mmCIF file of all heavy atoms, coordinates in Angstrom:
data_MODEL
# 
_entry.id   MODEL 
# 
loop_
_atom_site.group_PDB 
_atom_site.id 
_atom_site.type_symbol 
_atom_site.label_atom_id 
_atom_site.label_alt_id 
_atom_site.label_comp_id 
_atom_site.label_asym_id 
_atom_site.label_entity_id 
_atom_site.label_seq_id 
_atom_site.pdbx_PDB_ins_code 
_atom_site.Cartn_x 
_atom_site.Cartn_y 
_atom_site.Cartn_z 
_atom_site.occupancy 
_atom_site.B_iso_or_equiv 
_atom_site.pdbx_formal_charge 
_atom_site.auth_seq_id 
_atom_site.auth_comp_id 
_atom_site.auth_asym_id 
_atom_site.auth_atom_id 
_atom_site.pdbx_PDB_model_num 
ATOM 1   N N   . HIS A 1 1  ? 62.919 -27.391 -24.852 1.00 0.00 ? 1  HIS A N   1 
ATOM 2   C CA  . HIS A 1 1  ? 62.329 -28.749 -24.981 1.00 0.00 ? 1  HIS A CA  1 
ATOM 3   C C   . HIS A 1 1  ? 62.882 -29.553 -23.813 1.00 0.00 ? 1  HIS A C   1 
ATOM 4   O O   . HIS A 1 1  ? 64.083 -29.626 -23.647 1.00 0.00 ? 1  HIS A O   1 
ATOM 5   C CB  . HIS A 1 1  ? 62.722 -29.392 -26.330 1.00 0.00 ? 1  HIS A CB  1 
ATOM 6   C CG  . HIS A 1 1  ? 62.361 -30.832 -26.437 1.00 0.00 ? 1  HIS A CG  1 
ATOM 7   N ND1 . HIS A 1 1  ? 61.241 -31.200 -27.077 1.00 0.00 ? 1  HIS A ND1 1 
ATOM 8   C CD2 . HIS A 1 1  ? 62.968 -31.915 -25.953 1.00 0.00 ? 1  HIS A CD2 1 
ATOM 9   C CE1 . HIS A 1 1  ? 61.145 -32.539 -27.047 1.00 0.00 ? 1  HIS A CE1 1 
ATOM 10  N NE2 . HIS A 1 1  ? 62.183 -33.018 -26.361 1.00 0.00 ? 1  HIS A NE2 1 
ATOM 11  N N   . THR A 1 2  ? 61.989 -30.056 -22.944 1.00 0.00 ? 2  THR A N   1 
ATOM 12  C CA  . THR A 1 2  ? 62.400 -30.844 -21.767 1.00 0.00 ? 2  THR A CA  1 
ATOM 13  C C   . THR A 1 2  ? 61.734 -32.208 -21.829 1.00 0.00 ? 2  THR A C   1 
ATOM 14  O O   . THR A 1 2  ? 60.976 -32.521 -22.745 1.00 0.00 ? 2  THR A O   1 
ATOM 15  C CB  . THR A 1 2  ? 62.050 -30.184 -20.451 1.00 0.00 ? 2  THR A CB  1 
ATOM 16  O OG1 . THR A 1 2  ? 60.667 -30.077 -20.340 1.00 0.00 ? 2  THR A OG1 1 
ATOM 17  C CG2 . THR A 1 2  ? 62.681 -28.782 -20.397 1.00 0.00 ? 2  THR A CG2 1 
ATOM 18  N N   . SER A 1 3  ? 61.938 -32.966 -20.805 1.00 0.00 ? 3  SER A N   1 
ATOM 19  C CA  . SER A 1 3  ? 61.302 -34.280 -20.682 1.00 0.00 ? 3  SER A CA  1 
ATOM 20  C C   . SER A 1 3  ? 60.445 -34.171 -19.413 1.00 0.00 ? 3  SER A C   1 
ATOM 21  O O   . SER A 1 3  ? 60.937 -33.856 -18.329 1.00 0.00 ? 3  SER A O   1 
ATOM 22  C CB  . SER A 1 3  ? 62.362 -35.333 -20.529 1.00 0.00 ? 3  SER A CB  1 
ATOM 23  O OG  . SER A 1 3  ? 61.706 -36.611 -20.359 1.00 0.00 ? 3  SER A OG  1 
ATOM 24  N N   . ALA A 1 4  ? 59.169 -34.496 -19.554 1.00 0.00 ? 4  ALA A N   1 
ATOM 25  C CA  . ALA A 1 4  ? 58.225 -34.309 -18.409 1.00 0.00 ? 4  ALA A CA  1 
ATOM 26  C C   . ALA A 1 4  ? 58.607 -35.195 -17.227 1.00 0.00 ? 4  ALA A C   1 
ATOM 27  O O   . ALA A 1 4  ? 58.330 -34.847 -16.080 1.00 0.00 ? 4  ALA A O   1 
ATOM 28  C CB  . ALA A 1 4  ? 56.778 -34.666 -18.841 1.00 0.00 ? 4  ALA A CB  1 
ATOM 29  N N   . HIS A 1 5  ? 59.263 -36.349 -17.451 1.00 0.00 ? 5  HIS A N   1 
ATOM 30  C CA  . HIS A 1 5  ? 59.572 -37.256 -16.309 1.00 0.00 ? 5  HIS A CA  1 
ATOM 31  C C   . HIS A 1 5  ? 60.882 -36.891 -15.576 1.00 0.00 ? 5  HIS A C   1 
ATOM 32  O O   . HIS A 1 5  ? 61.256 -37.542 -14.606 1.00 0.00 ? 5  HIS A O   1 
ATOM 33  C CB  . HIS A 1 5  ? 59.584 -38.710 -16.812 1.00 0.00 ? 5  HIS A CB  1 
ATOM 34  C CG  . HIS A 1 5  ? 60.712 -38.996 -17.710 1.00 0.00 ? 5  HIS A CG  1 
ATOM 35  N ND1 . HIS A 1 5  ? 60.670 -38.767 -19.095 1.00 0.00 ? 5  HIS A ND1 1 
ATOM 36  C CD2 . HIS A 1 5  ? 61.952 -39.519 -17.529 1.00 0.00 ? 5  HIS A CD2 1 
ATOM 37  C CE1 . HIS A 1 5  ? 61.758 -39.071 -19.635 1.00 0.00 ? 5  HIS A CE1 1 
ATOM 38  N NE2 . HIS A 1 5  ? 62.571 -39.576 -18.706 1.00 0.00 ? 5  HIS A NE2 1 
ATOM 39  N N   . ALA A 1 6  ? 61.649 -35.967 -16.121 1.00 0.00 ? 6  ALA A N   1 
ATOM 40  C CA  . ALA A 1 6  ? 62.919 -35.579 -15.527 1.00 0.00 ? 6  ALA A CA  1 
ATOM 41  C C   . ALA A 1 6  ? 62.894 -34.184 -15.000 1.00 0.00 ? 6  ALA A C   1 
ATOM 42  O O   . ALA A 1 6  ? 62.173 -33.321 -15.539 1.00 0.00 ? 6  ALA A O   1 
ATOM 43  C CB  . ALA A 1 6  ? 64.045 -35.712 -16.555 1.00 0.00 ? 6  ALA A CB  1 
ATOM 44  N N   . PRO A 1 7  ? 63.616 -33.882 -13.923 1.00 0.00 ? 7  PRO A N   1 
ATOM 45  C CA  . PRO A 1 7  ? 63.574 -32.584 -13.324 1.00 0.00 ? 7  PRO A CA  1 
ATOM 46  C C   . PRO A 1 7  ? 64.459 -31.532 -14.090 1.00 0.00 ? 7  PRO A C   1 
ATOM 47  O O   . PRO A 1 7  ? 64.790 -30.485 -13.503 1.00 0.00 ? 7  PRO A O   1 
ATOM 48  C CB  . PRO A 1 7  ? 64.045 -32.783 -11.905 1.00 0.00 ? 7  PRO A CB  1 
ATOM 49  C CG  . PRO A 1 7  ? 65.002 -33.931 -12.038 1.00 0.00 ? 7  PRO A CG  1 
ATOM 50  C CD  . PRO A 1 7  ? 64.390 -34.805 -13.100 1.00 0.00 ? 7  PRO A CD  1 
ATOM 51  N N   . THR A 1 8  ? 64.835 -31.795 -15.300 1.00 0.00 ? 8  THR A N   1 
ATOM 52  C CA  . THR A 1 8  ? 65.784 -30.985 -16.014 1.00 0.00 ? 8  THR A CA  1 
ATOM 53  C C   . THR A 1 8  ? 65.214 -29.609 -16.379 1.00 0.00 ? 8  THR A C   1 
ATOM 54  O O   . THR A 1 8  ? 65.930 -28.664 -16.630 1.00 0.00 ? 8  THR A O   1 
ATOM 55  C CB  . THR A 1 8  ? 66.286 -31.657 -17.286 1.00 0.00 ? 8  THR A CB  1 
ATOM 56  O OG1 . THR A 1 8  ? 65.174 -32.106 -18.045 1.00 0.00 ? 8  THR A OG1 1 
ATOM 57  C CG2 . THR A 1 8  ? 67.179 -32.843 -16.914 1.00 0.00 ? 8  THR A CG2 1 
ATOM 58  N N   . ARG A 1 9  ? 63.886 -29.436 -16.296 1.00 0.00 ? 9  ARG A N   1 
ATOM 59  C CA  . ARG A 1 9  ? 63.272 -28.108 -16.535 1.00 0.00 ? 9  ARG A CA  1 
ATOM 60  C C   . ARG A 1 9  ? 63.797 -27.094 -15.515 1.00 0.00 ? 9  ARG A C   1 
ATOM 61  O O   . ARG A 1 9  ? 64.012 -25.952 -15.811 1.00 0.00 ? 9  ARG A O   1 
ATOM 62  C CB  . ARG A 1 9  ? 61.787 -28.159 -16.547 1.00 0.00 ? 9  ARG A CB  1 
ATOM 63  C CG  . ARG A 1 9  ? 61.175 -28.643 -15.264 1.00 0.00 ? 9  ARG A CG  1 
ATOM 64  C CD  . ARG A 1 9  ? 59.666 -28.971 -15.433 1.00 0.00 ? 9  ARG A CD  1 
ATOM 65  N NE  . ARG A 1 9  ? 59.187 -29.691 -14.277 1.00 0.00 ? 9  ARG A NE  1 
ATOM 66  C CZ  . ARG A 1 9  ? 59.242 -30.975 -14.079 1.00 0.00 ? 9  ARG A CZ  1 
ATOM 67  N NH1 . ARG A 1 9  ? 59.846 -31.728 -14.941 1.00 0.00 ? 9  ARG A NH1 1 
ATOM 68  N NH2 . ARG A 1 9  ? 58.746 -31.511 -13.014 1.00 0.00 ? 9  ARG A NH2 1 
ATOM 69  N N   . LEU A 1 10 ? 64.068 -27.618 -14.308 1.00 0.00 ? 10 LEU A N   1 
ATOM 70  C CA  . LEU A 1 10 ? 64.567 -26.698 -13.246 1.00 0.00 ? 10 LEU A CA  1 
ATOM 71  C C   . LEU A 1 10 ? 66.054 -26.366 -13.530 1.00 0.00 ? 10 LEU A C   1 
ATOM 72  O O   . LEU A 1 10 ? 66.456 -25.228 -13.327 1.00 0.00 ? 10 LEU A O   1 
ATOM 73  C CB  . LEU A 1 10 ? 64.441 -27.382 -11.877 1.00 0.00 ? 10 LEU A CB  1 
ATOM 74  C CG  . LEU A 1 10 ? 63.030 -27.743 -11.453 1.00 0.00 ? 10 LEU A CG  1 
ATOM 75  C CD1 . LEU A 1 10 ? 63.017 -28.519 -10.126 1.00 0.00 ? 10 LEU A CD1 1 
ATOM 76  C CD2 . LEU A 1 10 ? 62.182 -26.476 -11.350 1.00 0.00 ? 10 LEU A CD2 1 
ATOM 77  N N   . THR A 1 11 ? 66.792 -27.313 -14.016 1.00 0.00 ? 11 THR A N   1 
ATOM 78  C CA  . THR A 1 11 ? 68.147 -27.135 -14.424 1.00 0.00 ? 11 THR A CA  1 
ATOM 79  C C   . THR A 1 11 ? 68.225 -26.063 -15.536 1.00 0.00 ? 11 THR A C   1 
ATOM 80  O O   . THR A 1 11 ? 69.091 -25.153 -15.513 1.00 0.00 ? 11 THR A O   1 
ATOM 81  C CB  . THR A 1 11 ? 68.813 -28.404 -14.941 1.00 0.00 ? 11 THR A CB  1 
ATOM 82  O OG1 . THR A 1 11 ? 68.649 -29.405 -13.905 1.00 0.00 ? 11 THR A OG1 1 
ATOM 83  C CG2 . THR A 1 11 ? 70.253 -28.233 -15.327 1.00 0.00 ? 11 THR A CG2 1 
ATOM 84  N N   . ALA A 1 12 ? 67.343 -26.155 -16.486 1.00 0.00 ? 12 ALA A N   1 
ATOM 85  C CA  . ALA A 1 12 ? 67.300 -25.189 -17.592 1.00 0.00 ? 12 ALA A CA  1 
ATOM 86  C C   . ALA A 1 12 ? 67.030 -23.758 -17.044 1.00 0.00 ? 12 ALA A C   1 
ATOM 87  O O   . ALA A 1 12 ? 67.711 -22.840 -17.474 1.00 0.00 ? 12 ALA A O   1 
ATOM 88  C CB  . ALA A 1 12 ? 66.208 -25.647 -18.631 1.00 0.00 ? 12 ALA A CB  1 
ATOM 89  N N   . GLN A 1 13 ? 66.091 -23.685 -16.146 1.00 0.00 ? 13 GLN A N   1 
ATOM 90  C CA  . GLN A 1 13 ? 65.823 -22.348 -15.575 1.00 0.00 ? 13 GLN A CA  1 
ATOM 91  C C   . GLN A 1 13 ? 67.003 -21.827 -14.812 1.00 0.00 ? 13 GLN A C   1 
ATOM 92  O O   . GLN A 1 13 ? 67.354 -20.624 -14.943 1.00 0.00 ? 13 GLN A O   1 
ATOM 93  C CB  . GLN A 1 13 ? 64.675 -22.449 -14.656 1.00 0.00 ? 13 GLN A CB  1 
ATOM 94  C CG  . GLN A 1 13 ? 63.310 -22.701 -15.347 1.00 0.00 ? 13 GLN A CG  1 
ATOM 95  C CD  . GLN A 1 13 ? 62.174 -22.923 -14.369 1.00 0.00 ? 13 GLN A CD  1 
ATOM 96  O OE1 . GLN A 1 13 ? 62.078 -22.321 -13.366 1.00 0.00 ? 13 GLN A OE1 1 
ATOM 97  N NE2 . GLN A 1 13 ? 61.260 -23.831 -14.764 1.00 0.00 ? 13 GLN A NE2 1 
ATOM 98  N N   . GLU A 1 14 ? 67.691 -22.645 -14.075 1.00 0.00 ? 14 GLU A N   1 
ATOM 99  C CA  . GLU A 1 14 ? 68.917 -22.197 -13.362 1.00 0.00 ? 14 GLU A CA  1 
ATOM 100 C C   . GLU A 1 14 ? 69.962 -21.673 -14.294 1.00 0.00 ? 14 GLU A C   1 
ATOM 101 O O   . GLU A 1 14 ? 70.580 -20.635 -14.015 1.00 0.00 ? 14 GLU A O   1 
ATOM 102 C CB  . GLU A 1 14 ? 69.457 -23.354 -12.494 1.00 0.00 ? 14 GLU A CB  1 
ATOM 103 C CG  . GLU A 1 14 ? 68.590 -23.719 -11.331 1.00 0.00 ? 14 GLU A CG  1 
ATOM 104 C CD  . GLU A 1 14 ? 69.038 -25.008 -10.640 1.00 0.00 ? 14 GLU A CD  1 
ATOM 105 O OE1 . GLU A 1 14 ? 70.194 -25.474 -10.945 1.00 0.00 ? 14 GLU A OE1 1 
ATOM 106 O OE2 . GLU A 1 14 ? 68.262 -25.596 -9.835  1.00 0.00 ? 14 GLU A OE2 1 
ATOM 107 N N   . ILE A 1 15 ? 70.196 -22.411 -15.398 1.00 0.00 ? 15 ILE A N   1 
ATOM 108 C CA  . ILE A 1 15 ? 71.275 -21.984 -16.292 1.00 0.00 ? 15 ILE A CA  1 
ATOM 109 C C   . ILE A 1 15 ? 70.869 -20.667 -16.988 1.00 0.00 ? 15 ILE A C   1 
ATOM 110 O O   . ILE A 1 15 ? 71.705 -19.742 -17.074 1.00 0.00 ? 15 ILE A O   1 
ATOM 111 C CB  . ILE A 1 15 ? 71.521 -23.086 -17.375 1.00 0.00 ? 15 ILE A CB  1 
ATOM 112 C CG1 . ILE A 1 15 ? 72.193 -24.275 -16.714 1.00 0.00 ? 15 ILE A CG1 1 
ATOM 113 C CG2 . ILE A 1 15 ? 72.373 -22.549 -18.547 1.00 0.00 ? 15 ILE A CG2 1 
ATOM 114 C CD1 . ILE A 1 15 ? 72.276 -25.492 -17.591 1.00 0.00 ? 15 ILE A CD1 1 
ATOM 115 N N   . LEU A 1 16 ? 69.646 -20.595 -17.509 1.00 0.00 ? 16 LEU A N   1 
ATOM 116 C CA  . LEU A 1 16 ? 69.204 -19.380 -18.182 1.00 0.00 ? 16 LEU A CA  1 
ATOM 117 C C   . LEU A 1 16 ? 69.244 -18.170 -17.244 1.00 0.00 ? 16 LEU A C   1 
ATOM 118 O O   . LEU A 1 16 ? 69.673 -17.125 -17.652 1.00 0.00 ? 16 LEU A O   1 
ATOM 119 C CB  . LEU A 1 16 ? 67.818 -19.610 -18.776 1.00 0.00 ? 16 LEU A CB  1 
ATOM 120 C CG  . LEU A 1 16 ? 67.779 -20.674 -19.907 1.00 0.00 ? 16 LEU A CG  1 
ATOM 121 C CD1 . LEU A 1 16 ? 66.341 -20.883 -20.315 1.00 0.00 ? 16 LEU A CD1 1 
ATOM 122 C CD2 . LEU A 1 16 ? 68.649 -20.296 -21.079 1.00 0.00 ? 16 LEU A CD2 1 
ATOM 123 N N   . ARG A 1 17 ? 68.741 -18.391 -15.991 1.00 0.00 ? 17 ARG A N   1 
ATOM 124 C CA  . ARG A 1 17 ? 68.764 -17.270 -15.052 1.00 0.00 ? 17 ARG A CA  1 
ATOM 125 C C   . ARG A 1 17 ? 70.229 -16.788 -14.733 1.00 0.00 ? 17 ARG A C   1 
ATOM 126 O O   . ARG A 1 17 ? 70.540 -15.654 -14.665 1.00 0.00 ? 17 ARG A O   1 
ATOM 127 C CB  . ARG A 1 17 ? 68.082 -17.703 -13.725 1.00 0.00 ? 17 ARG A CB  1 
ATOM 128 C CG  . ARG A 1 17 ? 67.980 -16.515 -12.735 1.00 0.00 ? 17 ARG A CG  1 
ATOM 129 C CD  . ARG A 1 17 ? 67.341 -16.916 -11.401 1.00 0.00 ? 17 ARG A CD  1 
ATOM 130 N NE  . ARG A 1 17 ? 65.994 -17.427 -11.556 1.00 0.00 ? 17 ARG A NE  1 
ATOM 131 C CZ  . ARG A 1 17 ? 65.631 -18.681 -11.205 1.00 0.00 ? 17 ARG A CZ  1 
ATOM 132 N NH1 . ARG A 1 17 ? 66.491 -19.499 -10.645 1.00 0.00 ? 17 ARG A NH1 1 
ATOM 133 N NH2 . ARG A 1 17 ? 64.371 -19.085 -11.345 1.00 0.00 ? 17 ARG A NH2 1 
ATOM 134 N N   . SER A 1 18 ? 71.147 -17.789 -14.610 1.00 0.00 ? 18 SER A N   1 
ATOM 135 C CA  . SER A 1 18 ? 72.518 -17.463 -14.341 1.00 0.00 ? 18 SER A CA  1 
ATOM 136 C C   . SER A 1 18 ? 73.167 -16.671 -15.454 1.00 0.00 ? 18 SER A C   1 
ATOM 137 O O   . SER A 1 18 ? 74.135 -15.965 -15.209 1.00 0.00 ? 18 SER A O   1 
ATOM 138 C CB  . SER A 1 18 ? 73.372 -18.700 -13.998 1.00 0.00 ? 18 SER A CB  1 
ATOM 139 O OG  . SER A 1 18 ? 73.653 -19.445 -15.249 1.00 0.00 ? 18 SER A OG  1 
ATOM 140 N N   . GLU A 1 19 ? 72.646 -16.786 -16.670 1.00 0.00 ? 19 GLU A N   1 
ATOM 141 C CA  . GLU A 1 19 ? 73.132 -16.026 -17.825 1.00 0.00 ? 19 GLU A CA  1 
ATOM 142 C C   . GLU A 1 19 ? 72.468 -14.676 -17.953 1.00 0.00 ? 19 GLU A C   1 
ATOM 143 O O   . GLU A 1 19 ? 72.779 -13.889 -18.858 1.00 0.00 ? 19 GLU A O   1 
ATOM 144 C CB  . GLU A 1 19 ? 72.969 -16.833 -19.094 1.00 0.00 ? 19 GLU A CB  1 
ATOM 145 C CG  . GLU A 1 19 ? 73.860 -18.054 -19.205 1.00 0.00 ? 19 GLU A CG  1 
ATOM 146 C CD  . GLU A 1 19 ? 75.298 -17.685 -19.403 1.00 0.00 ? 19 GLU A CD  1 
ATOM 147 O OE1 . GLU A 1 19 ? 75.604 -16.735 -20.097 1.00 0.00 ? 19 GLU A OE1 1 
ATOM 148 O OE2 . GLU A 1 19 ? 76.136 -18.414 -18.832 1.00 0.00 ? 19 GLU A OE2 1 
ATOM 149 N N   . GLY A 1 20 ? 71.526 -14.371 -17.052 1.00 0.00 ? 20 GLY A N   1 
ATOM 150 C CA  . GLY A 1 20 ? 70.886 -13.080 -17.076 1.00 0.00 ? 20 GLY A CA  1 
ATOM 151 C C   . GLY A 1 20 ? 69.581 -13.012 -17.841 1.00 0.00 ? 20 GLY A C   1 
ATOM 152 O O   . GLY A 1 20 ? 69.001 -11.930 -18.104 1.00 0.00 ? 20 GLY A O   1 
ATOM 153 N N   . VAL A 1 21 ? 69.019 -14.160 -18.191 1.00 0.00 ? 21 VAL A N   1 
ATOM 154 C CA  . VAL A 1 21 ? 67.705 -14.188 -18.917 1.00 0.00 ? 21 VAL A CA  1 
ATOM 155 C C   . VAL A 1 21 ? 66.580 -13.982 -17.924 1.00 0.00 ? 21 VAL A C   1 
ATOM 156 O O   . VAL A 1 21 ? 66.511 -14.557 -16.844 1.00 0.00 ? 21 VAL A O   1 
ATOM 157 C CB  . VAL A 1 21 ? 67.525 -15.572 -19.610 1.00 0.00 ? 21 VAL A CB  1 
ATOM 158 C CG1 . VAL A 1 21 ? 66.134 -15.701 -20.214 1.00 0.00 ? 21 VAL A CG1 1 
ATOM 159 C CG2 . VAL A 1 21 ? 68.641 -15.769 -20.668 1.00 0.00 ? 21 VAL A CG2 1 
ATOM 160 N N   . ASP A 1 22 ? 65.655 -13.098 -18.343 1.00 0.00 ? 22 ASP A N   1 
ATOM 161 C CA  . ASP A 1 22 ? 64.390 -12.902 -17.574 1.00 0.00 ? 22 ASP A CA  1 
ATOM 162 C C   . ASP A 1 22 ? 63.558 -14.164 -17.881 1.00 0.00 ? 22 ASP A C   1 
ATOM 163 O O   . ASP A 1 22 ? 63.165 -14.386 -19.065 1.00 0.00 ? 22 ASP A O   1 
ATOM 164 C CB  . ASP A 1 22 ? 63.707 -11.634 -18.034 1.00 0.00 ? 22 ASP A CB  1 
ATOM 165 C CG  . ASP A 1 22 ? 62.339 -11.459 -17.429 1.00 0.00 ? 22 ASP A CG  1 
ATOM 166 O OD1 . ASP A 1 22 ? 61.868 -12.297 -16.633 1.00 0.00 ? 22 ASP A OD1 1 
ATOM 167 O OD2 . ASP A 1 22 ? 61.678 -10.456 -17.841 1.00 0.00 ? 22 ASP A OD2 1 
ATOM 168 N N   . LEU A 1 23 ? 63.233 -14.951 -16.921 1.00 0.00 ? 23 LEU A N   1 
ATOM 169 C CA  . LEU A 1 23 ? 62.469 -16.200 -17.157 1.00 0.00 ? 23 LEU A CA  1 
ATOM 170 C C   . LEU A 1 23 ? 61.095 -15.937 -17.660 1.00 0.00 ? 23 LEU A C   1 
ATOM 171 O O   . LEU A 1 23 ? 60.414 -16.864 -18.117 1.00 0.00 ? 23 LEU A O   1 
ATOM 172 C CB  . LEU A 1 23 ? 62.455 -17.063 -15.900 1.00 0.00 ? 23 LEU A CB  1 
ATOM 173 C CG  . LEU A 1 23 ? 63.833 -17.579 -15.465 1.00 0.00 ? 23 LEU A CG  1 
ATOM 174 C CD1 . LEU A 1 23 ? 63.711 -18.510 -14.233 1.00 0.00 ? 23 LEU A CD1 1 
ATOM 175 C CD2 . LEU A 1 23 ? 64.586 -18.250 -16.613 1.00 0.00 ? 23 LEU A CD2 1 
ATOM 176 N N   . GLY A 1 24 ? 60.604 -14.733 -17.637 1.00 0.00 ? 24 GLY A N   1 
ATOM 177 C CA  . GLY A 1 24 ? 59.315 -14.383 -18.286 1.00 0.00 ? 24 GLY A CA  1 
ATOM 178 C C   . GLY A 1 24 ? 59.407 -14.478 -19.792 1.00 0.00 ? 24 GLY A C   1 
ATOM 179 O O   . GLY A 1 24 ? 58.376 -14.543 -20.461 1.00 0.00 ? 24 GLY A O   1 
ATOM 180 N N   . ALA A 1 25 ? 60.571 -14.570 -20.336 1.00 0.00 ? 25 ALA A N   1 
ATOM 181 C CA  . ALA A 1 25 ? 60.763 -14.714 -21.784 1.00 0.00 ? 25 ALA A CA  1 
ATOM 182 C C   . ALA A 1 25 ? 61.037 -16.182 -22.191 1.00 0.00 ? 25 ALA A C   1 
ATOM 183 O O   . ALA A 1 25 ? 61.437 -16.408 -23.338 1.00 0.00 ? 25 ALA A O   1 
ATOM 184 C CB  . ALA A 1 25 ? 61.920 -13.857 -22.258 1.00 0.00 ? 25 ALA A CB  1 
ATOM 185 N N   . VAL A 1 26 ? 60.822 -17.093 -21.242 1.00 0.00 ? 26 VAL A N   1 
ATOM 186 C CA  . VAL A 1 26 ? 61.126 -18.545 -21.481 1.00 0.00 ? 26 VAL A CA  1 
ATOM 187 C C   . VAL A 1 26 ? 59.844 -19.347 -21.360 1.00 0.00 ? 26 VAL A C   1 
ATOM 188 O O   . VAL A 1 26 ? 59.077 -19.200 -20.416 1.00 0.00 ? 26 VAL A O   1 
ATOM 189 C CB  . VAL A 1 26 ? 62.185 -19.001 -20.426 1.00 0.00 ? 26 VAL A CB  1 
ATOM 190 C CG1 . VAL A 1 26 ? 62.472 -20.473 -20.604 1.00 0.00 ? 26 VAL A CG1 1 
ATOM 191 C CG2 . VAL A 1 26 ? 63.448 -18.133 -20.533 1.00 0.00 ? 26 VAL A CG2 1 
ATOM 192 N N   . VAL A 1 27 ? 59.724 -20.276 -22.281 1.00 0.00 ? 27 VAL A N   1 
ATOM 193 C CA  . VAL A 1 27 ? 58.661 -21.250 -22.221 1.00 0.00 ? 27 VAL A CA  1 
ATOM 194 C C   . VAL A 1 27 ? 59.349 -22.608 -22.062 1.00 0.00 ? 27 VAL A C   1 
ATOM 195 O O   . VAL A 1 27 ? 60.223 -22.953 -22.821 1.00 0.00 ? 27 VAL A O   1 
ATOM 196 C CB  . VAL A 1 27 ? 57.815 -21.288 -23.530 1.00 0.00 ? 27 VAL A CB  1 
ATOM 197 C CG1 . VAL A 1 27 ? 56.850 -22.526 -23.501 1.00 0.00 ? 27 VAL A CG1 1 
ATOM 198 C CG2 . VAL A 1 27 ? 57.012 -20.032 -23.658 1.00 0.00 ? 27 VAL A CG2 1 
ATOM 199 N N   . ILE A 1 28 ? 58.993 -23.308 -20.997 1.00 0.00 ? 28 ILE A N   1 
ATOM 200 C CA  . ILE A 1 28 ? 59.562 -24.684 -20.703 1.00 0.00 ? 28 ILE A CA  1 
ATOM 201 C C   . ILE A 1 28 ? 58.565 -25.669 -21.262 1.00 0.00 ? 28 ILE A C   1 
ATOM 202 O O   . ILE A 1 28 ? 57.440 -25.789 -20.753 1.00 0.00 ? 28 ILE A O   1 
ATOM 203 C CB  . ILE A 1 28 ? 59.778 -24.899 -19.189 1.00 0.00 ? 28 ILE A CB  1 
ATOM 204 C CG1 . ILE A 1 28 ? 60.687 -23.816 -18.623 1.00 0.00 ? 28 ILE A CG1 1 
ATOM 205 C CG2 . ILE A 1 28 ? 60.321 -26.288 -19.004 1.00 0.00 ? 28 ILE A CG2 1 
ATOM 206 C CD1 . ILE A 1 28 ? 62.083 -23.837 -19.094 1.00 0.00 ? 28 ILE A CD1 1 
# 
């Protein structure tokens, strides 16, 4: 769950990727 007006969706992707998550398994 993100906020459309904030760039935090990119932050979420960076954190998940750094933990080894395949971003194909993620819905932002």
